[in-house]
Protein backbone atom coordinates (compact mmCIF):
# COMPACT_ATOMS: atom_id res chain seq x y z
CA MET A 1 -9.98 -1.80 -9.31
CA ASN A 2 -6.62 -0.04 -8.94
CA ILE A 3 -4.96 -0.71 -5.59
CA LEU A 4 -1.85 0.95 -4.19
CA PHE A 5 0.13 -0.40 -1.21
CA VAL A 6 2.34 2.08 0.65
CA CYS A 7 5.09 1.69 3.25
CA SER A 8 8.28 3.66 3.91
CA GLN A 9 10.91 2.18 1.59
CA ASN A 10 8.82 0.01 -0.77
CA ARG A 11 11.24 -2.84 -0.22
CA TRP A 12 9.54 -5.21 2.23
CA ARG A 13 5.92 -4.69 3.28
CA SER A 14 4.30 -2.90 0.33
CA LEU A 15 6.42 -4.82 -2.19
CA THR A 16 5.36 -8.10 -0.56
CA ALA A 17 1.71 -7.00 -0.82
CA GLU A 18 2.14 -6.12 -4.49
CA THR A 19 3.81 -9.47 -5.16
CA ILE A 20 1.16 -11.61 -3.48
CA PHE A 21 -1.88 -9.78 -4.89
CA LYS A 22 -0.64 -8.87 -8.39
CA ASP A 23 -2.06 -11.98 -10.07
CA ASN A 24 -5.65 -11.11 -9.12
CA GLN A 25 -7.40 -10.59 -12.46
CA ASN A 26 -10.02 -8.24 -11.00
CA HIS A 27 -7.50 -5.70 -9.70
CA SER A 28 -4.39 -3.83 -10.78
CA ILE A 29 -1.82 -3.67 -8.01
CA LYS A 30 1.12 -1.31 -7.46
CA SER A 31 3.26 -0.34 -4.49
CA ALA A 32 5.34 2.64 -3.42
CA GLY A 33 7.14 4.18 -0.49
CA THR A 34 6.90 7.51 1.30
CA GLU A 35 10.64 8.11 1.80
CA LYS A 36 13.02 9.91 -0.57
CA ASP A 37 15.11 6.76 -1.06
CA ALA A 38 12.15 4.42 -1.58
CA ARG A 39 12.46 1.83 -4.36
CA ILE A 40 9.43 3.46 -6.04
CA ARG A 41 8.31 6.71 -4.48
CA VAL A 42 4.67 7.72 -4.01
CA SER A 43 3.70 10.27 -6.64
CA GLU A 44 0.71 12.32 -7.64
CA LYS A 45 0.34 10.08 -10.70
CA LEU A 46 0.18 6.91 -8.57
CA LEU A 47 -2.33 8.44 -6.17
CA ASN A 48 -4.55 9.61 -9.04
CA TRP A 49 -4.39 6.09 -10.49
CA ALA A 50 -5.32 4.36 -7.21
CA GLU A 51 -8.91 3.74 -6.17
CA ILE A 52 -7.97 2.15 -2.84
CA ILE A 53 -4.78 2.94 -0.93
CA PHE A 54 -3.50 0.61 1.77
CA VAL A 55 -0.87 2.07 4.09
CA MET A 56 1.08 -0.08 6.51
CA GLU A 57 1.10 2.41 9.40
CA LYS A 58 -0.70 5.55 10.56
CA ARG A 59 2.46 7.59 9.92
CA HIS A 60 2.27 6.68 6.21
CA LYS A 61 -1.25 8.10 6.03
CA GLU A 62 -0.03 11.24 7.79
CA ARG A 63 2.85 11.64 5.32
CA LEU A 64 0.51 11.20 2.38
CA ASN A 65 -1.95 13.73 3.82
CA ASP A 66 0.84 16.24 4.47
CA LYS A 67 2.14 16.08 0.91
CA PHE A 68 -0.93 15.15 -1.17
CA GLY A 69 -3.91 16.06 1.05
CA VAL A 70 -6.30 17.31 -1.64
CA LEU A 71 -5.68 14.26 -3.85
CA LEU A 72 -6.73 11.94 -1.04
CA GLU A 73 -10.05 13.58 -0.19
CA LYS A 74 -12.13 11.17 -2.29
CA LYS A 75 -9.89 8.12 -1.96
CA GLU A 76 -10.50 5.11 0.24
CA LEU A 77 -7.43 4.91 2.45
CA ILE A 78 -7.00 1.97 4.83
CA ILE A 79 -4.42 1.69 7.58
CA LEU A 80 -3.32 -1.95 7.92
CA ASP A 81 -1.36 -1.34 11.13
CA ILE A 82 1.53 -3.62 10.13
CA ALA A 83 4.79 -2.67 11.85
CA ASP A 84 8.14 -2.66 10.07
CA ASP A 85 9.11 -6.02 11.57
CA TYR A 86 9.20 -8.16 8.44
CA LYS A 87 11.46 -8.81 5.48
CA TYR A 88 10.26 -9.23 1.89
CA MET A 89 7.97 -12.28 1.50
CA ASP A 90 8.14 -13.19 5.20
CA PRO A 91 5.51 -15.95 5.66
CA GLU A 92 3.99 -14.21 8.69
CA LEU A 93 3.72 -10.93 6.74
CA ILE A 94 2.04 -12.75 3.85
CA GLU A 95 -0.52 -14.25 6.21
CA ILE A 96 -1.25 -10.89 7.88
CA LEU A 97 -1.64 -9.19 4.51
CA LYS A 98 -3.99 -11.86 3.18
CA ILE A 99 -6.19 -11.67 6.28
CA SER A 100 -6.20 -7.85 6.33
CA VAL A 101 -6.65 -7.11 2.63
CA SER A 102 -8.78 -9.97 1.26
CA PRO A 103 -12.10 -8.62 2.57
CA TYR A 104 -11.57 -5.42 0.53
CA LEU A 105 -10.70 -7.38 -2.61
CA ASN A 106 -13.87 -9.43 -2.42
CA GLN A 107 -16.29 -6.47 -2.29
């Protein structure tokens, strides 16, 4: 399954998620950001590739819908509700991500 993690800058939250889940042999994992200066910016190509999209906050879902609405109609999009309070690979962020995302990976 192709899984995309999205936050604003793709530097801390979504990049952490990509890093901790990328070794799962049953899934392909990528991450991106919604902002113009994101490390890797969300694109139509990435959204077409993704089967499940995890966004960190409701505003990320809104930004994706505003720009790529039609592409998202048949996608599973999950809001993780993780605030921008963590740095890359913060142990608390890792724990929250594992608890929030693991049930979807084990379907």
